[in-house]
Amino acid sequence: MRAAIYARVSTKDKGQDTENQLAQLREFAARHDWQVSREYVDHETGSTNDRTEFQAMFQDASRHRFDVVLFWALDRFTREGTLETLQHLNQLSALGVGFKSFTEAYLDSCGVWKDMIIAMLATLAKQERLRLSERVKAGLDRARAKGKKLGRPPKSVDMEQISALRSKGLGWKRIATELGVGVGTLYRLAGDGSKIQRGVI
């Protein structure tokens, strides 16, 4: 079994380094006769996937340079949230690469818990999406309750400009493009005398 070791500490983790993680991960790999193909080490926050070594690890996974990713704990692998974590683990699985957490025995795609863990993470990710949707809806409701108008503000239209463009033989689609409005908007405007007079959509 070819293993990739991933270790990470944040720049905010003062006084910590990755050597403790690496020592235990190397020992685990040796005990299981796993050949360590490469070690990937990041010294930055795990709240984003824009980490140099993290990205390099996934690139090498796509090239089938190892069979399993071994990390010390899930929060060392990523702290992006349940949905993103699930996506990363699913991406590894899709590439034919397993994953194993040293400190969390249940988080092991090579073991009997694989399907249950993925199902659990998928459920948590779904709940996270629902909570996000509910927070957005609640925010919009609060804004409406305070009298805030949502959506794009009304756009003023120069009716003389429309007439000038029409006199040049331009069609409604071309005029709409020129003015940055929808064709349907022009149709409605042209059919509503009061709005034509005001020049407001």
C-alpha atoms as a PDB file:
ATOM      1  CA  MET A   1       0.000   0.000   0.000  1.00  0.00           C
ATOM      2  CA  ARG A   2       1.416   3.364  -1.045  1.00  0.00           C
ATOM      3  CA  ALA A   3       0.548   6.091   1.441  1.00  0.00           C
ATOM      4  CA  ALA A   4       0.606   9.863   1.300  1.00  0.00           C
ATOM      5  CA  ILE A   5       1.023  11.559   4.664  1.00  0.00           C
ATOM      6  CA  TYR A   6      -0.665  14.921   5.174  1.00  0.00           C
ATOM      7  CA  ALA A   7       0.121  17.121   8.173  1.00  0.00           C
ATOM      8  CA  ARG A   8      -0.896  20.678   8.950  1.00  0.00           C
ATOM      9  CA  VAL A   9      -0.621  23.324  11.625  1.00  0.00           C
ATOM     10  CA  SER A  10      -2.064  26.797  11.402  1.00  0.00           C
ATOM     11  CA  THR A  11       0.059  29.906  11.692  1.00  0.00           C
ATOM     12  CA  LYS A  12      -2.190  30.664  14.678  1.00  0.00           C
ATOM     13  CA  ASP A  13      -1.142  27.439  16.443  1.00  0.00           C
ATOM     14  CA  LYS A  14       1.660  29.102  18.354  1.00  0.00           C
ATOM     15  CA  GLY A  15       4.388  26.813  19.629  1.00  0.00           C
ATOM     16  CA  GLN A  16       3.175  23.881  17.531  1.00  0.00           C
ATOM     17  CA  ASP A  17       4.797  22.210  14.582  1.00  0.00           C
ATOM     18  CA  THR A  18       4.013  19.213  12.407  1.00  0.00           C
ATOM     19  CA  GLU A  19       6.792  16.961  13.700  1.00  0.00           C
ATOM     20  CA  ASN A  20       4.613  15.341  16.362  1.00  0.00           C
ATOM     21  CA  GLN A  21       1.991  14.500  13.741  1.00  0.00           C
ATOM     22  CA  LEU A  22       4.570  13.266  11.253  1.00  0.00           C
ATOM     23  CA  ALA A  23       6.346  11.023  13.762  1.00  0.00           C
ATOM     24  CA  GLN A  24       3.129   9.212  14.684  1.00  0.00           C
ATOM     25  CA  LEU A  25       1.956   8.960  11.077  1.00  0.00           C
ATOM     26  CA  ARG A  26       5.293   7.547   9.914  1.00  0.00           C
ATOM     27  CA  GLU A  27       5.238   4.995  12.721  1.00  0.00           C
ATOM     28  CA  PHE A  28       1.657   3.986  11.844  1.00  0.00           C
ATOM     29  CA  ALA A  29       2.566   3.538   8.177  1.00  0.00           C
ATOM     30  CA  ALA A  30       5.626   1.456   9.026  1.00  0.00           C
ATOM     31  CA  ARG A  31       3.612  -0.727  11.415  1.00  0.00           C
ATOM     32  CA  HIS A  32       1.144  -1.507   8.624  1.00  0.00           C
ATOM     33  CA  ASP A  33       3.851  -1.987   5.981  1.00  0.00           C
ATOM     34  CA  TRP A  34       2.651   1.039   4.032  1.00  0.00           C
ATOM     35  CA  GLN A  35       5.224   2.634   1.772  1.00  0.00           C
ATOM     36  CA  VAL A  36       5.203   6.427   2.234  1.00  0.00           C
ATOM     37  CA  SER A  37       5.348   7.892  -1.245  1.00  0.00           C
ATOM     38  CA  ARG A  38       5.416  11.522  -0.097  1.00  0.00           C
ATOM     39  CA  GLU A  39       4.713  13.778   2.857  1.00  0.00           C
ATOM     40  CA  TYR A  40       2.621  16.913   2.327  1.00  0.00           C
ATOM     41  CA  VAL A  41       2.973  19.579   5.003  1.00  0.00           C
ATOM     42  CA  ASP A  42       1.108  22.896   5.232  1.00  0.00           C
ATOM     43  CA  HIS A  43       1.659  25.710   7.719  1.00  0.00           C
ATOM     44  CA  GLU A  44      -1.537  27.649   7.156  1.00  0.00           C
ATOM     45  CA  THR A  45      -5.202  27.747   8.075  1.00  0.00           C
ATOM     46  CA  GLY A  46      -7.371  24.778   7.201  1.00  0.00           C
ATOM     47  CA  SER A  47     -10.441  26.943   6.612  1.00  0.00           C
ATOM     48  CA  THR A  48      -9.719  27.051   2.877  1.00  0.00           C
ATOM     49  CA  ASN A  49      -8.541  24.479   0.348  1.00  0.00           C
ATOM     50  CA  ASP A  50      -6.167  27.013  -1.194  1.00  0.00           C
ATOM     51  CA  ARG A  51      -3.171  25.396   0.483  1.00  0.00           C
ATOM     52  CA  THR A  52      -0.064  24.650  -1.551  1.00  0.00           C
ATOM     53  CA  GLU A  53       0.619  21.121  -0.316  1.00  0.00           C
ATOM     54  CA  PHE A  54      -3.066  20.235  -0.031  1.00  0.00           C
ATOM     55  CA  GLN A  55      -3.535  21.075  -3.704  1.00  0.00           C
ATOM     56  CA  ALA A  56      -0.335  19.202  -4.633  1.00  0.00           C
ATOM     57  CA  MET A  57      -1.664  16.141  -2.805  1.00  0.00           C
ATOM     58  CA  PHE A  58      -4.862  16.107  -4.853  1.00  0.00           C
ATOM     59  CA  GLN A  59      -2.911  16.587  -8.068  1.00  0.00           C
ATOM     60  CA  ASP A  60      -0.762  13.578  -7.212  1.00  0.00           C
ATOM     61  CA  ALA A  61      -3.872  11.611  -6.236  1.00  0.00           C
ATOM     62  CA  SER A  62      -5.239  12.221  -9.733  1.00  0.00           C
ATOM     63  CA  ARG A  63      -1.995  10.762 -11.096  1.00  0.00           C
ATOM     64  CA  HIS A  64      -2.432   7.638  -8.907  1.00  0.00           C
ATOM     65  CA  ARG A  65       0.839   8.192  -7.071  1.00  0.00           C
ATOM     66  CA  PHE A  66      -0.502   6.696  -3.837  1.00  0.00           C
ATOM     67  CA  ASP A  67      -3.367   4.518  -2.612  1.00  0.00           C
ATOM     68  CA  VAL A  68      -4.334   6.137   0.685  1.00  0.00           C
ATOM     69  CA  VAL A  69      -4.022   9.501   2.439  1.00  0.00           C
ATOM     70  CA  LEU A  70      -3.058   9.280   6.099  1.00  0.00           C
ATOM     71  CA  PHE A  71      -3.667  12.305   8.337  1.00  0.00           C
ATOM     72  CA  TRP A  72      -3.504  12.845  12.091  1.00  0.00           C
ATOM     73  CA  ALA A  73      -7.101  14.103  12.554  1.00  0.00           C
ATOM     74  CA  LEU A  74      -9.875  15.413  10.349  1.00  0.00           C
ATOM     75  CA  ASP A  75      -9.396  18.985  11.551  1.00  0.00           C
ATOM     76  CA  ARG A  76      -5.757  18.738  10.430  1.00  0.00           C
ATOM     77  CA  PHE A  77      -6.951  17.611   6.988  1.00  0.00           C
ATOM     78  CA  THR A  78      -9.495  20.423   6.625  1.00  0.00           C
ATOM     79  CA  ARG A  79     -11.593  22.821   8.675  1.00  0.00           C
ATOM     80  CA  GLU A  80     -13.698  24.114   5.804  1.00  0.00           C
ATOM     81  CA  GLY A  81     -17.004  22.709   7.002  1.00  0.00           C
ATOM     82  CA  THR A  82     -18.971  19.506   6.590  1.00  0.00           C
ATOM     83  CA  LEU A  83     -19.990  20.015   2.966  1.00  0.00           C
ATOM     84  CA  GLU A  84     -16.469  20.819   1.771  1.00  0.00           C
ATOM     85  CA  THR A  85     -15.001  17.968   3.830  1.00  0.00           C
ATOM     86  CA  LEU A  86     -17.423  15.530   2.233  1.00  0.00           C
ATOM     87  CA  GLN A  87     -16.501  16.823  -1.216  1.00  0.00           C
ATOM     88  CA  HIS A  88     -12.783  16.306  -0.546  1.00  0.00           C
ATOM     89  CA  LEU A  89     -13.272  12.765   0.731  1.00  0.00           C
ATOM     90  CA  ASN A  90     -15.596  11.920  -2.152  1.00  0.00           C
ATOM     91  CA  GLN A  91     -13.031  13.308  -4.582  1.00  0.00           C
ATOM     92  CA  LEU A  92     -10.379  11.000  -3.137  1.00  0.00           C
ATOM     93  CA  SER A  93     -12.755   8.041  -3.356  1.00  0.00           C
ATOM     94  CA  ALA A  94     -13.597   8.903  -6.968  1.00  0.00           C
ATOM     95  CA  LEU A  95      -9.868   8.867  -7.743  1.00  0.00           C
ATOM     96  CA  GLY A  96      -9.545   5.430  -6.186  1.00  0.00           C
ATOM     97  CA  VAL A  97      -7.663   6.776  -3.157  1.00  0.00           C
ATOM     98  CA  GLY A  98      -8.562   5.851   0.399  1.00  0.00           C
ATOM     99  CA  PHE A  99      -8.253   7.968   3.549  1.00  0.00           C
ATOM    100  CA  LYS A 100      -7.383   7.231   7.142  1.00  0.00           C
ATOM    101  CA  SER A 101      -7.386   9.349  10.293  1.00  0.00           C
ATOM    102  CA  PHE A 102      -4.775   8.342  12.867  1.00  0.00           C
ATOM    103  CA  THR A 103      -6.735   9.563  15.901  1.00  0.00           C
ATOM    104  CA  GLU A 104     -10.275   8.782  14.671  1.00  0.00           C
ATOM    105  CA  ALA A 105     -10.561   5.045  14.122  1.00  0.00           C
ATOM    106  CA  TYR A 106     -14.017   5.328  12.575  1.00  0.00           C
ATOM    107  CA  LEU A 107     -12.744   7.670   9.828  1.00  0.00           C
ATOM    108  CA  ASP A 108     -11.204   4.953   7.696  1.00  0.00           C
ATOM    109  CA  SER A 109     -12.214   4.256   4.102  1.00  0.00           C
ATOM    110  CA  CYS A 110     -10.117   1.098   4.246  1.00  0.00           C
ATOM    111  CA  GLY A 111     -12.246  -0.331   7.039  1.00  0.00           C
ATOM    112  CA  VAL A 112     -15.792  -1.526   7.627  1.00  0.00           C
ATOM    113  CA  TRP A 113     -17.055   1.949   8.612  1.00  0.00           C
ATOM    114  CA  LYS A 114     -16.443   3.591   5.212  1.00  0.00           C
ATOM    115  CA  ASP A 115     -20.047   3.617   3.907  1.00  0.00           C
ATOM    116  CA  MET A 116     -21.466   4.674   7.269  1.00  0.00           C
ATOM    117  CA  ILE A 117     -19.019   7.575   7.625  1.00  0.00           C
ATOM    118  CA  ILE A 118     -19.684   8.877   4.112  1.00  0.00           C
ATOM    119  CA  ALA A 119     -23.450   8.578   4.689  1.00  0.00           C
ATOM    120  CA  MET A 120     -23.160  10.432   7.986  1.00  0.00           C
ATOM    121  CA  LEU A 121     -21.094  13.227   6.448  1.00  0.00           C
ATOM    122  CA  ALA A 122     -23.568  13.476   3.560  1.00  0.00           C
ATOM    123  CA  THR A 123     -26.432  13.864   6.055  1.00  0.00           C
ATOM    124  CA  LEU A 124     -24.537  16.537   7.987  1.00  0.00           C
ATOM    125  CA  ALA A 125     -23.701  18.351   4.743  1.00  0.00           C
ATOM    126  CA  LYS A 126     -27.377  18.336   3.769  1.00  0.00           C
ATOM    127  CA  GLN A 127     -28.317  19.794   7.145  1.00  0.00           C
ATOM    128  CA  GLU A 128     -25.611  22.431   6.727  1.00  0.00           C
ATOM    129  CA  ARG A 129     -27.051  23.442   3.351  1.00  0.00           C
ATOM    130  CA  LEU A 130     -30.546  23.656   4.857  1.00  0.00           C
ATOM    131  CA  ARG A 131     -29.300  25.819   7.741  1.00  0.00           C
ATOM    132  CA  LEU A 132     -27.538  28.123   5.289  1.00  0.00           C
ATOM    133  CA  SER A 133     -30.704  28.429   3.206  1.00  0.00           C
ATOM    134  CA  GLU A 134     -32.751  29.167   6.318  1.00  0.00           C
ATOM    135  CA  ARG A 135     -30.260  31.843   7.460  1.00  0.00           C
ATOM    136  CA  VAL A 136     -30.425  33.535   4.056  1.00  0.00           C
ATOM    137  CA  LYS A 137     -34.236  33.451   4.071  1.00  0.00           C
ATOM    138  CA  ALA A 138     -34.344  34.801   7.631  1.00  0.00           C
ATOM    139  CA  GLY A 139     -32.000  37.628   6.636  1.00  0.00           C
ATOM    140  CA  LEU A 140     -34.206  38.564   3.676  1.00  0.00           C
ATOM    141  CA  ASP A 141     -37.301  38.471   5.871  1.00  0.00           C
ATOM    142  CA  ARG A 142     -35.641  40.805   8.415  1.00  0.00           C
ATOM    143  CA  ALA A 143     -34.625  43.181   5.630  1.00  0.00           C
ATOM    144  CA  ARG A 144     -38.201  43.257   4.275  1.00  0.00           C
ATOM    145  CA  ALA A 145     -39.574  43.814   7.773  1.00  0.00           C
ATOM    146  CA  LYS A 146     -37.322  46.880   8.091  1.00  0.00           C
ATOM    147  CA  GLY A 147     -38.734  48.235   4.852  1.00  0.00           C
ATOM    148  CA  LYS A 148     -35.675  47.564   2.727  1.00  0.00           C
ATOM    149  CA  LYS A 149     -36.354  47.047  -0.957  1.00  0.00           C
ATOM    150  CA  LEU A 150     -34.680  43.937  -2.339  1.00  0.00           C
ATOM    151  CA  GLY A 151     -33.622  43.204  -5.878  1.00  0.00           C
ATOM    152  CA  ARG A 152     -32.313  45.494  -8.545  1.00  0.00           C
ATOM    153  CA  PRO A 153     -33.276  49.170  -8.263  1.00  0.00           C
ATOM    154  CA  PRO A 154     -35.503  50.664 -10.987  1.00  0.00           C
ATOM    155  CA  LYS A 155     -33.536  51.675 -14.063  1.00  0.00           C
ATOM    156  CA  SER A 156     -34.210  54.980 -15.803  1.00  0.00           C
ATOM    157  CA  VAL A 157     -34.647  54.772 -19.547  1.00  0.00           C
ATOM    158  CA  ASP A 158     -34.088  57.613 -21.967  1.00  0.00           C
ATOM    159  CA  MET A 159     -37.174  57.406 -24.197  1.00  0.00           C
ATOM    160  CA  GLU A 160     -35.684  59.851 -26.696  1.00  0.00           C
ATOM    161  CA  GLN A 161     -32.705  57.533 -27.057  1.00  0.00           C
ATOM    162  CA  ILE A 162     -35.037  54.602 -27.687  1.00  0.00           C
ATOM    163  CA  SER A 163     -36.867  56.608 -30.344  1.00  0.00           C
ATOM    164  CA  ALA A 164     -33.562  57.637 -31.932  1.00  0.00           C
ATOM    165  CA  LEU A 165     -32.362  54.034 -32.064  1.00  0.00           C
ATOM    166  CA  ARG A 166     -35.679  52.889 -33.514  1.00  0.00           C
ATOM    167  CA  SER A 167     -35.491  55.611 -36.195  1.00  0.00           C
ATOM    168  CA  LYS A 168     -32.101  54.174 -37.189  1.00  0.00           C
ATOM    169  CA  GLY A 169     -33.804  50.872 -37.891  1.00  0.00           C
ATOM    170  CA  LEU A 170     -32.475  49.020 -34.873  1.00  0.00           C
ATOM    171  CA  GLY A 171     -34.566  46.125 -33.617  1.00  0.00           C
ATOM    172  CA  TRP A 172     -35.747  45.727 -30.048  1.00  0.00           C
ATOM    173  CA  LYS A 173     -33.032  43.159 -29.237  1.00  0.00           C
ATOM    174  CA  ARG A 174     -30.270  45.473 -30.391  1.00  0.00           C
ATOM    175  CA  ILE A 175     -31.770  48.392 -28.496  1.00  0.00           C
ATOM    176  CA  ALA A 176     -32.064  46.288 -25.362  1.00  0.00           C
ATOM    177  CA  THR A 177     -28.368  45.372 -25.672  1.00  0.00           C
ATOM    178  CA  GLU A 178     -27.390  48.983 -26.231  1.00  0.00           C
ATOM    179  CA  LEU A 179     -29.290  50.160 -23.139  1.00  0.00           C
ATOM    180  CA  GLY A 180     -28.489  47.190 -20.929  1.00  0.00           C
ATOM    181  CA  VAL A 181     -32.098  46.168 -20.331  1.00  0.00           C
ATOM    182  CA  GLY A 182     -34.167  43.165 -21.247  1.00  0.00           C
ATOM    183  CA  VAL A 183     -36.179  42.958 -24.461  1.00  0.00           C
ATOM    184  CA  GLY A 184     -39.299  42.143 -22.457  1.00  0.00           C
ATOM    185  CA  THR A 185     -38.733  45.298 -20.462  1.00  0.00           C
ATOM    186  CA  LEU A 186     -38.735  47.382 -23.656  1.00  0.00           C
ATOM    187  CA  TYR A 187     -41.899  45.652 -24.863  1.00  0.00           C
ATOM    188  CA  ARG A 188     -43.637  46.389 -21.558  1.00  0.00           C
ATOM    189  CA  LEU A 189     -42.369  49.947 -21.570  1.00  0.00           C
ATOM    190  CA  ALA A 190     -43.508  50.552 -25.143  1.00  0.00           C
ATOM    191  CA  GLY A 191     -46.960  49.267 -24.260  1.00  0.00           C
ATOM    192  CA  ASP A 192     -47.337  51.360 -21.115  1.00  0.00           C
ATOM    193  CA  GLY A 193     -47.877  55.026 -21.908  1.00  0.00           C
ATOM    194  CA  SER A 194     -47.479  56.180 -18.312  1.00  0.00           C
ATOM    195  CA  LYS A 195     -44.060  54.566 -18.020  1.00  0.00           C
ATOM    196  CA  ILE A 196     -43.022  55.943 -21.383  1.00  0.00           C
ATOM    197  CA  GLN A 197     -43.835  59.414 -20.096  1.00  0.00           C
ATOM    198  CA  ARG A 198     -41.884  58.880 -16.857  1.00  0.00           C
ATOM    199  CA  GLY A 199     -39.059  56.999 -18.554  1.00  0.00           C
ATOM    200  CA  VAL A 200     -38.817  54.520 -15.661  1.00  0.00           C
ATOM    201  CA  ILE A 201     -38.841  50.710 -15.865  1.00  0.00           C
END
